[in-house]
Amino acid sequence: MPFRNYELMYIVRPDAGNEVARERAAHYRDMVGELGGTVNELDEWGTRRLAYPIDDHEEGYYVILDFAGDEEITLEMDRRMKLDDTVIRFMLIKQEE
């Protein structure tokens, strides 16, 4: 199956703290490699105000992870994001070729 480029954007709860947010960013970066993909870029935006409250949170720690992989990686990333209680919102999109 061919590799495609994907972008994963997620927001970590502000009450988790910046240190935990940075650890989560490293965790997901490493996970892409463990699953056979390659990380193109990891961009940590840091704590920012949300456009609207999510689960009573007004702020969140934003992270954008660009990576190349197959559908298996995206399915596993989606599954793990849903199970991570520090992530309040995420979006995984396939980038155009």
PDB file of N, CA and C in Angstrom:
ATOM      1  N   MET A   1       0.844  -1.167   0.000  1.00  0.00           N
ATOM      2  CA  MET A   1       0.000   0.000   0.000  1.00  0.00           C
ATOM      3  C   MET A   1       0.901   1.246   0.000  1.00  0.00           C
ATOM      4  N   PRO A   2       0.629   2.223  -0.854  1.00  0.00           N
ATOM      5  CA  PRO A   2       1.506   3.395  -0.952  1.00  0.00           C
ATOM      6  C   PRO A   2       1.371   4.323   0.258  1.00  0.00           C
ATOM      7  N   PHE A   3       2.479   4.993   0.564  1.00  0.00           N
ATOM      8  CA  PHE A   3       2.459   5.988   1.630  1.00  0.00           C
ATOM      9  C   PHE A   3       1.830   7.276   1.104  1.00  0.00           C
ATOM     10  N   ARG A   4       1.073   7.907   1.955  1.00  0.00           N
ATOM     11  CA  ARG A   4       0.485   9.206   1.647  1.00  0.00           C
ATOM     12  C   ARG A   4       0.862  10.163   2.767  1.00  0.00           C
ATOM     13  N   ASN A   5       0.746  11.439   2.476  1.00  0.00           N
ATOM     14  CA  ASN A   5       1.036  12.447   3.483  1.00  0.00           C
ATOM     15  C   ASN A   5      -0.227  12.797   4.253  1.00  0.00           C
ATOM     16  N   TYR A   6      -0.089  12.898   5.571  1.00  0.00           N
ATOM     17  CA  TYR A   6      -1.202  13.208   6.462  1.00  0.00           C
ATOM     18  C   TYR A   6      -0.802  14.329   7.404  1.00  0.00           C
ATOM     19  N   GLU A   7      -1.818  15.017   7.894  1.00  0.00           N
ATOM     20  CA  GLU A   7      -1.606  16.030   8.916  1.00  0.00           C
ATOM     21  C   GLU A   7      -2.521  15.708  10.092  1.00  0.00           C
ATOM     22  N   LEU A   8      -1.921  15.611  11.257  1.00  0.00           N
ATOM     23  CA  LEU A   8      -2.658  15.361  12.492  1.00  0.00           C
ATOM     24  C   LEU A   8      -2.541  16.608  13.346  1.00  0.00           C
ATOM     25  N   MET A   9      -3.678  17.238  13.633  1.00  0.00           N
ATOM     26  CA  MET A   9      -3.717  18.391  14.521  1.00  0.00           C
ATOM     27  C   MET A   9      -4.495  17.969  15.744  1.00  0.00           C
ATOM     28  N   TYR A  10      -3.929  18.237  16.918  1.00  0.00           N
ATOM     29  CA  TYR A  10      -4.663  17.913  18.137  1.00  0.00           C
ATOM     30  C   TYR A  10      -4.410  18.958  19.208  1.00  0.00           C
ATOM     31  N   ILE A  11      -5.329  18.987  20.180  1.00  0.00           N
ATOM     32  CA  ILE A  11      -5.269  19.951  21.272  1.00  0.00           C
ATOM     33  C   ILE A  11      -5.252  19.182  22.582  1.00  0.00           C
ATOM     34  N   VAL A  12      -4.252  19.476  23.406  1.00  0.00           N
ATOM     35  CA  VAL A  12      -4.104  18.837  24.710  1.00  0.00           C
ATOM     36  C   VAL A  12      -4.754  19.739  25.767  1.00  0.00           C
ATOM     37  N   ARG A  13      -5.451  19.118  26.715  1.00  0.00           N
ATOM     38  CA  ARG A  13      -6.094  19.859  27.807  1.00  0.00           C
ATOM     39  C   ARG A  13      -5.094  20.795  28.478  1.00  0.00           C
ATOM     40  N   PRO A  14      -5.500  22.013  28.795  1.00  0.00           N
ATOM     41  CA  PRO A  14      -4.563  22.938  29.438  1.00  0.00           C
ATOM     42  C   PRO A  14      -4.210  22.528  30.868  1.00  0.00           C
ATOM     43  N   ASP A  15      -5.106  21.840  31.554  1.00  0.00           N
ATOM     44  CA  ASP A  15      -4.810  21.442  32.929  1.00  0.00           C
ATOM     45  C   ASP A  15      -3.830  20.269  32.995  1.00  0.00           C
ATOM     46  N   ALA A  16      -3.490  19.675  31.848  1.00  0.00           N
ATOM     47  CA  ALA A  16      -2.477  18.615  31.822  1.00  0.00           C
ATOM     48  C   ALA A  16      -1.083  19.212  31.986  1.00  0.00           C
ATOM     49  N   GLY A  17      -0.923  20.471  31.602  1.00  0.00           N
ATOM     50  CA  GLY A  17       0.372  21.146  31.730  1.00  0.00           C
ATOM     51  C   GLY A  17       1.198  21.048  30.462  1.00  0.00           C
ATOM     52  N   ASN A  18       2.073  22.026  30.279  1.00  0.00           N
ATOM     53  CA  ASN A  18       2.911  22.073  29.076  1.00  0.00           C
ATOM     54  C   ASN A  18       3.888  20.910  28.995  1.00  0.00           C
ATOM     55  N   GLU A  19       4.403  20.470  30.130  1.00  0.00           N
ATOM     56  CA  GLU A  19       5.353  19.355  30.118  1.00  0.00           C
ATOM     57  C   GLU A  19       4.681  18.074  29.610  1.00  0.00           C
ATOM     58  N   VAL A  20       3.483  17.799  30.082  1.00  0.00           N
ATOM     59  CA  VAL A  20       2.734  16.623  29.618  1.00  0.00           C
ATOM     60  C   VAL A  20       2.406  16.773  28.140  1.00  0.00           C
ATOM     61  N   ALA A  21       2.038  17.979  27.717  1.00  0.00           N
ATOM     62  CA  ALA A  21       1.718  18.214  26.309  1.00  0.00           C
ATOM     63  C   ALA A  21       2.931  17.935  25.417  1.00  0.00           C
ATOM     64  N   ARG A  22       4.117  18.369  25.865  1.00  0.00           N
ATOM     65  CA  ARG A  22       5.336  18.090  25.086  1.00  0.00           C
ATOM     66  C   ARG A  22       5.656  16.600  25.067  1.00  0.00           C
ATOM     67  N   GLU A  23       5.405  15.916  26.182  1.00  0.00           N
ATOM     68  CA  GLU A  23       5.610  14.462  26.218  1.00  0.00           C
ATOM     69  C   GLU A  23       4.659  13.752  25.265  1.00  0.00           C
ATOM     70  N   ARG A  24       3.403  14.208  25.182  1.00  0.00           N
ATOM     71  CA  ARG A  24       2.431  13.607  24.260  1.00  0.00           C
ATOM     72  C   ARG A  24       2.882  13.825  22.820  1.00  0.00           C
ATOM     73  N   ALA A  25       3.411  15.025  22.531  1.00  0.00           N
ATOM     74  CA  ALA A  25       3.886  15.323  21.174  1.00  0.00           C
ATOM     75  C   ALA A  25       5.013  14.370  20.790  1.00  0.00           C
ATOM     76  N   ALA A  26       5.959  14.157  21.701  1.00  0.00           N
ATOM     77  CA  ALA A  26       7.066  13.226  21.439  1.00  0.00           C
ATOM     78  C   ALA A  26       6.542  11.800  21.309  1.00  0.00           C
ATOM     79  N   HIS A  27       5.563  11.449  22.121  1.00  0.00           N
ATOM     80  CA  HIS A  27       4.972  10.105  22.085  1.00  0.00           C
ATOM     81  C   HIS A  27       4.353   9.812  20.720  1.00  0.00           C
ATOM     82  N   TYR A  28       3.544  10.734  20.223  1.00  0.00           N
ATOM     83  CA  TYR A  28       2.889  10.508  18.925  1.00  0.00           C
ATOM     84  C   TYR A  28       3.883  10.580  17.776  1.00  0.00           C
ATOM     85  N   ARG A  29       4.913  11.423  17.881  1.00  0.00           N
ATOM     86  CA  ARG A  29       5.970  11.465  16.860  1.00  0.00           C
ATOM     87  C   ARG A  29       6.672  10.109  16.785  1.00  0.00           C
ATOM     88  N   ASP A  30       7.029   9.573  17.954  1.00  0.00           N
ATOM     89  CA  ASP A  30       7.705   8.278  18.003  1.00  0.00           C
ATOM     90  C   ASP A  30       6.787   7.148  17.533  1.00  0.00           C
ATOM     91  N   MET A  31       5.505   7.261  17.830  1.00  0.00           N
ATOM     92  CA  MET A  31       4.551   6.224  17.445  1.00  0.00           C
ATOM     93  C   MET A  31       4.469   6.072  15.927  1.00  0.00           C
ATOM     94  N   VAL A  32       4.538   7.179  15.208  1.00  0.00           N
ATOM     95  CA  VAL A  32       4.510   7.111  13.745  1.00  0.00           C
ATOM     96  C   VAL A  32       5.675   6.260  13.253  1.00  0.00           C
ATOM     97  N   GLY A  33       6.859   6.484  13.794  1.00  0.00           N
ATOM     98  CA  GLY A  33       8.027   5.691  13.408  1.00  0.00           C
ATOM     99  C   GLY A  33       7.881   4.228  13.767  1.00  0.00           C
ATOM    100  N   GLU A  34       7.348   3.948  14.959  1.00  0.00           N
ATOM    101  CA  GLU A  34       7.147   2.563  15.397  1.00  0.00           C
ATOM    102  C   GLU A  34       6.159   1.818  14.501  1.00  0.00           C
ATOM    103  N   LEU A  35       5.200   2.552  13.948  1.00  0.00           N
ATOM    104  CA  LEU A  35       4.191   1.931  13.083  1.00  0.00           C
ATOM    105  C   LEU A  35       4.632   1.855  11.623  1.00  0.00           C
ATOM    106  N   GLY A  36       5.853   2.325  11.336  1.00  0.00           N
ATOM    107  CA  GLY A  36       6.405   2.193   9.986  1.00  0.00           C
ATOM    108  C   GLY A  36       6.293   3.430   9.129  1.00  0.00           C
ATOM    109  N   GLY A  37       5.843   4.536   9.677  1.00  0.00           N
ATOM    110  CA  GLY A  37       5.727   5.772   8.921  1.00  0.00           C
ATOM    111  C   GLY A  37       6.944   6.661   9.127  1.00  0.00           C
ATOM    112  N   THR A  38       6.929   7.822   8.485  1.00  0.00           N
ATOM    113  CA  THR A  38       8.005   8.787   8.640  1.00  0.00           C
ATOM    114  C   THR A  38       7.411  10.145   9.003  1.00  0.00           C
ATOM    115  N   VAL A  39       8.048  10.808   9.952  1.00  0.00           N
ATOM    116  CA  VAL A  39       7.592  12.131  10.383  1.00  0.00           C
ATOM    117  C   VAL A  39       8.242  13.180   9.492  1.00  0.00           C
ATOM    118  N   ASN A  40       7.415  14.020   8.889  1.00  0.00           N
ATOM    119  CA  ASN A  40       7.924  15.114   8.066  1.00  0.00           C
ATOM    120  C   ASN A  40       8.191  16.354   8.906  1.00  0.00           C
ATOM    121  N   GLU A  41       7.283  16.642   9.845  1.00  0.00           N
ATOM    122  CA  GLU A  41       7.437  17.835  10.673  1.00  0.00           C
ATOM    123  C   GLU A  41       6.561  17.725  11.913  1.00  0.00           C
ATOM    124  N   LEU A  42       7.079  18.217  13.017  1.00  0.00           N
ATOM    125  CA  LEU A  42       6.330  18.322  14.263  1.00  0.00           C
ATOM    126  C   LEU A  42       6.355  19.788  14.662  1.00  0.00           C
ATOM    127  N   ASP A  43       5.192  20.401  14.748  1.00  0.00           N
ATOM    128  CA  ASP A  43       5.086  21.823  15.056  1.00  0.00           C
ATOM    129  C   ASP A  43       4.226  22.000  16.304  1.00  0.00           C
ATOM    130  N   GLU A  44       4.865  22.416  17.384  1.00  0.00           N
ATOM    131  CA  GLU A  44       4.142  22.664  18.628  1.00  0.00           C
ATOM    132  C   GLU A  44       3.836  24.153  18.721  1.00  0.00           C
ATOM    133  N   TRP A  45       2.566  24.507  18.667  1.00  0.00           N
ATOM    134  CA  TRP A  45       2.160  25.909  18.728  1.00  0.00           C
ATOM    135  C   TRP A  45       2.107  26.407  20.167  1.00  0.00           C
ATOM    136  N   GLY A  46       2.009  25.495  21.112  1.00  0.00           N
ATOM    137  CA  GLY A  46       1.923  25.891  22.511  1.00  0.00           C
ATOM    138  C   GLY A  46       0.485  26.187  22.917  1.00  0.00           C
ATOM    139  N   THR A  47       0.336  26.821  24.067  1.00  0.00           N
ATOM    140  CA  THR A  47      -0.989  27.109  24.604  1.00  0.00           C
ATOM    141  C   THR A  47      -1.599  28.311  23.897  1.00  0.00           C
ATOM    142  N   ARG A  48      -2.812  28.116  23.420  1.00  0.00           N
ATOM    143  CA  ARG A  48      -3.550  29.168  22.719  1.00  0.00           C
ATOM    144  C   ARG A  48      -5.002  29.160  23.182  1.00  0.00           C
ATOM    145  N   ARG A  49      -5.636  30.273  23.004  1.00  0.00           N
ATOM    146  CA  ARG A  49      -7.050  30.395  23.330  1.00  0.00           C
ATOM    147  C   ARG A  49      -7.868  29.661  22.264  1.00  0.00           C
ATOM    148  N   LEU A  50      -8.871  28.911  22.692  1.00  0.00           N
ATOM    149  CA  LEU A  50      -9.745  28.184  21.775  1.00  0.00           C
ATOM    150  C   LEU A  50     -10.779  29.134  21.173  1.00  0.00           C
ATOM    151  N   ALA A  51     -11.248  28.820  19.994  1.00  0.00           N
ATOM    152  CA  ALA A  51     -12.277  29.633  19.347  1.00  0.00           C
ATOM    153  C   ALA A  51     -13.603  29.541  20.116  1.00  0.00           C
ATOM    154  N   TYR A  52     -13.826  28.401  20.754  1.00  0.00           N
ATOM    155  CA  TYR A  52     -15.016  28.184  21.576  1.00  0.00           C
ATOM    156  C   TYR A  52     -14.650  27.168  22.648  1.00  0.00           C
ATOM    157  N   PRO A  53     -15.327  27.204  23.792  1.00  0.00           N
ATOM    158  CA  PRO A  53     -14.988  26.260  24.870  1.00  0.00           C
ATOM    159  C   PRO A  53     -15.214  24.805  24.453  1.00  0.00           C
ATOM    160  N   ILE A  54     -14.281  23.956  24.845  1.00  0.00           N
ATOM    161  CA  ILE A  54     -14.405  22.511  24.625  1.00  0.00           C
ATOM    162  C   ILE A  54     -14.285  21.856  25.995  1.00  0.00           C
ATOM    163  N   ASP A  55     -15.316  21.154  26.406  1.00  0.00           N
ATOM    164  CA  ASP A  55     -15.334  20.513  27.732  1.00  0.00           C
ATOM    165  C   ASP A  55     -14.960  21.499  28.839  1.00  0.00           C
ATOM    166  N   ASP A  56     -15.510  22.701  28.773  1.00  0.00           N
ATOM    167  CA  ASP A  56     -15.274  23.769  29.748  1.00  0.00           C
ATOM    168  C   ASP A  56     -13.844  24.301  29.750  1.00  0.00           C
ATOM    169  N   HIS A  57     -13.063  24.009  28.716  1.00  0.00           N
ATOM    170  CA  HIS A  57     -11.705  24.543  28.607  1.00  0.00           C
ATOM    171  C   HIS A  57     -11.729  25.731  27.647  1.00  0.00           C
ATOM    172  N   GLU A  58     -11.062  26.803  28.032  1.00  0.00           N
ATOM    173  CA  GLU A  58     -10.975  28.010  27.207  1.00  0.00           C
ATOM    174  C   GLU A  58      -9.666  28.051  26.407  1.00  0.00           C
ATOM    175  N   GLU A  59      -8.670  27.254  26.831  1.00  0.00           N
ATOM    176  CA  GLU A  59      -7.368  27.215  26.179  1.00  0.00           C
ATOM    177  C   GLU A  59      -6.962  25.766  25.944  1.00  0.00           C
ATOM    178  N   GLY A  60      -5.943  25.584  25.107  1.00  0.00           N
ATOM    179  CA  GLY A  60      -5.408  24.254  24.861  1.00  0.00           C
ATOM    180  C   GLY A  60      -4.024  24.352  24.246  1.00  0.00           C
ATOM    181  N   TYR A  61      -3.274  23.270  24.329  1.00  0.00           N
ATOM    182  CA  TYR A  61      -1.921  23.187  23.778  1.00  0.00           C
ATOM    183  C   TYR A  61      -2.030  22.553  22.392  1.00  0.00           C
ATOM    184  N   TYR A  62      -1.740  23.330  21.357  1.00  0.00           N
ATOM    185  CA  TYR A  62      -1.895  22.887  19.975  1.00  0.00           C
ATOM    186  C   TYR A  62      -0.629  22.204  19.462  1.00  0.00           C
ATOM    187  N   VAL A  63      -0.816  21.102  18.742  1.00  0.00           N
ATOM    188  CA  VAL A  63       0.298  20.384  18.117  1.00  0.00           C
ATOM    189  C   VAL A  63      -0.129  19.969  16.714  1.00  0.00           C
ATOM    190  N   ILE A  64       0.763  20.143  15.760  1.00  0.00           N
ATOM    191  CA  ILE A  64       0.519  19.687  14.384  1.00  0.00           C
ATOM    192  C   ILE A  64       1.643  18.728  14.011  1.00  0.00           C
ATOM    193  N   LEU A  65       1.254  17.540  13.562  1.00  0.00           N
ATOM    194  CA  LEU A  65       2.208  16.499  13.179  1.00  0.00           C
ATOM    195  C   LEU A  65       1.958  16.123  11.728  1.00  0.00           C
ATOM    196  N   ASP A  66       2.918  16.424  10.860  1.00  0.00           N
ATOM    197  CA  ASP A  66       2.857  16.012   9.455  1.00  0.00           C
ATOM    198  C   ASP A  66       3.662  14.732   9.319  1.00  0.00           C
ATOM    199  N   PHE A  67       3.045  13.724   8.709  1.00  0.00           N
ATOM    200  CA  PHE A  67       3.749  12.455   8.545  1.00  0.00           C
ATOM    201  C   PHE A  67       3.308  11.758   7.275  1.00  0.00           C
ATOM    202  N   ALA A  68       4.115  10.770   6.855  1.00  0.00           N
ATOM    203  CA  ALA A  68       3.799   9.940   5.706  1.00  0.00           C
ATOM    204  C   ALA A  68       3.576   8.522   6.215  1.00  0.00           C
ATOM    205  N   GLY A  69       2.540   7.893   5.724  1.00  0.00           N
ATOM    206  CA  GLY A  69       2.241   6.535   6.154  1.00  0.00           C
ATOM    207  C   GLY A  69       1.114   5.942   5.340  1.00  0.00           C
ATOM    208  N   ASP A  70       0.717   4.744   5.733  1.00  0.00           N
ATOM    209  CA  ASP A  70      -0.384   4.090   5.039  1.00  0.00           C
ATOM    210  C   ASP A  70      -1.652   4.162   5.895  1.00  0.00           C
ATOM    211  N   GLU A  71      -2.706   3.550   5.397  1.00  0.00           N
ATOM    212  CA  GLU A  71      -3.994   3.612   6.081  1.00  0.00           C
ATOM    213  C   GLU A  71      -3.961   2.933   7.442  1.00  0.00           C
ATOM    214  N   GLU A  72      -3.150   1.904   7.587  1.00  0.00           N
ATOM    215  CA  GLU A  72      -3.036   1.208   8.877  1.00  0.00           C
ATOM    216  C   GLU A  72      -2.564   2.164   9.975  1.00  0.00           C
ATOM    217  N   ILE A  73      -1.601   3.013   9.640  1.00  0.00           N
ATOM    218  CA  ILE A  73      -1.085   3.979  10.613  1.00  0.00           C
ATOM    219  C   ILE A  73      -2.172   4.963  11.010  1.00  0.00           C
ATOM    220  N   THR A  74      -2.926   5.458  10.030  1.00  0.00           N
ATOM    221  CA  THR A  74      -3.959   6.441  10.341  1.00  0.00           C
ATOM    222  C   THR A  74      -5.057   5.833  11.209  1.00  0.00           C
ATOM    223  N   LEU A  75      -5.400   4.588  10.960  1.00  0.00           N
ATOM    224  CA  LEU A  75      -6.420   3.926  11.775  1.00  0.00           C
ATOM    225  C   LEU A  75      -5.946   3.755  13.214  1.00  0.00           C
ATOM    226  N   GLU A  76      -4.683   3.384  13.386  1.00  0.00           N
ATOM    227  CA  GLU A  76      -4.142   3.213  14.735  1.00  0.00           C
ATOM    228  C   GLU A  76      -3.991   4.555  15.451  1.00  0.00           C
ATOM    229  N   MET A  77      -3.553   5.580  14.734  1.00  0.00           N
ATOM    230  CA  MET A  77      -3.446   6.913  15.336  1.00  0.00           C
ATOM    231  C   MET A  77      -4.823   7.408  15.772  1.00  0.00           C
ATOM    232  N   ASP A  78      -5.815   7.220  14.940  1.00  0.00           N
ATOM    233  CA  ASP A  78      -7.186   7.622  15.272  1.00  0.00           C
ATOM    234  C   ASP A  78      -7.674   6.887  16.521  1.00  0.00           C
ATOM    235  N   ARG A  79      -7.426   5.599  16.584  1.00  0.00           N
ATOM    236  CA  ARG A  79      -7.849   4.803  17.739  1.00  0.00           C
ATOM    237  C   ARG A  79      -7.191   5.295  19.021  1.00  0.00           C
ATOM    238  N   ARG A  80      -5.878   5.525  18.957  1.00  0.00           N
ATOM    239  CA  ARG A  80      -5.151   5.949  20.159  1.00  0.00           C
ATOM    240  C   ARG A  80      -5.515   7.366  20.588  1.00  0.00           C
ATOM    241  N   MET A  81      -5.783   8.242  19.634  1.00  0.00           N
ATOM    242  CA  MET A  81      -6.207   9.605  19.976  1.00  0.00           C
ATOM    243  C   MET A  81      -7.540   9.583  20.730  1.00  0.00           C
ATOM    244  N   LYS A  82      -8.437   8.719  20.290  1.00  0.00           N
ATOM    245  CA  LYS A  82      -9.744   8.618  20.953  1.00  0.00           C
ATOM    246  C   LYS A  82      -9.613   8.102  22.381  1.00  0.00           C
ATOM    247  N   LEU A  83      -8.588   7.295  22.652  1.00  0.00           N
ATOM    248  CA  LEU A  83      -8.387   6.737  23.983  1.00  0.00           C
ATOM    249  C   LEU A  83      -7.579   7.647  24.911  1.00  0.00           C
ATOM    250  N   ASP A  84      -6.918   8.653  24.364  1.00  0.00           N
ATOM    251  CA  ASP A  84      -6.046   9.536  25.144  1.00  0.00           C
ATOM    252  C   ASP A  84      -6.892  10.602  25.835  1.00  0.00           C
ATOM    253  N   ASP A  85      -6.972  10.545  27.161  1.00  0.00           N
ATOM    254  CA  ASP A  85      -7.817  11.489  27.886  1.00  0.00           C
ATOM    255  C   ASP A  85      -7.193  12.879  28.022  1.00  0.00           C
ATOM    256  N   THR A  86      -5.933  13.052  27.601  1.00  0.00           N
ATOM    257  CA  THR A  86      -5.344  14.388  27.624  1.00  0.00           C
ATOM    258  C   THR A  86      -5.681  15.173  26.361  1.00  0.00           C
ATOM    259  N   VAL A  87      -6.146  14.488  25.311  1.00  0.00           N
ATOM    260  CA  VAL A  87      -6.494  15.146  24.047  1.00  0.00           C
ATOM    261  C   VAL A  87      -7.983  15.499  24.065  1.00  0.00           C
ATOM    262  N   ILE A  88      -8.266  16.809  23.897  1.00  0.00           N
ATOM    263  CA  ILE A  88      -9.678  17.223  23.917  1.00  0.00           C
ATOM    264  C   ILE A  88     -10.273  17.327  22.520  1.00  0.00           C
ATOM    265  N   ARG A  89      -9.440  17.445  21.497  1.00  0.00           N
ATOM    266  CA  ARG A  89      -9.933  17.487  20.123  1.00  0.00           C
ATOM    267  C   ARG A  89      -8.801  17.127  19.199  1.00  0.00           C
ATOM    268  N   PHE A  90      -9.105  16.414  18.108  1.00  0.00           N
ATOM    269  CA  PHE A  90      -8.086  16.113  17.113  1.00  0.00           C
ATOM    270  C   PHE A  90      -8.724  15.990  15.740  1.00  0.00           C
ATOM    271  N   MET A  91      -7.898  16.177  14.728  1.00  0.00           N
ATOM    272  CA  MET A  91      -8.349  16.033  13.352  1.00  0.00           C
ATOM    273  C   MET A  91      -7.197  15.454  12.548  1.00  0.00           C
ATOM    274  N   LEU A  92      -7.471  14.398  11.814  1.00  0.00           N
ATOM    275  CA  LEU A  92      -6.472  13.728  10.981  1.00  0.00           C
ATOM    276  C   LEU A  92      -6.950  13.821   9.546  1.00  0.00           C
ATOM    277  N   ILE A  93      -6.161  14.496   8.702  1.00  0.00           N
ATOM    278  CA  ILE A  93      -6.576  14.677   7.305  1.00  0.00           C
ATOM    279  C   ILE A  93      -5.480  14.189   6.359  1.00  0.00           C
ATOM    280  N   LYS A  94      -5.921  13.728   5.196  1.00  0.00           N
ATOM    281  CA  LYS A  94      -4.993  13.324   4.139  1.00  0.00           C
ATOM    282  C   LYS A  94      -4.674  14.575   3.332  1.00  0.00           C
ATOM    283  N   GLN A  95      -3.386  14.853   3.149  1.00  0.00           N
ATOM    284  CA  GLN A  95      -2.995  16.015   2.368  1.00  0.00           C
ATOM    285  C   GLN A  95      -3.070  15.689   0.894  1.00  0.00           C
ATOM    286  N   GLU A  96      -3.327  16.705   0.090  1.00  0.00           N
ATOM    287  CA  GLU A  96      -3.404  16.497  -1.347  1.00  0.00           C
ATOM    288  C   GLU A  96      -2.042  16.170  -1.917  1.00  0.00           C
ATOM    289  N   GLU A  97      -2.053  15.366  -2.939  1.00  0.00           N
ATOM    290  CA  GLU A  97      -0.805  14.922  -3.579  1.00  0.00           C
ATOM    291  C   GLU A  97      -0.134  16.049  -4.294  1.00  0.00           C
TER     292      GLU A  97
END
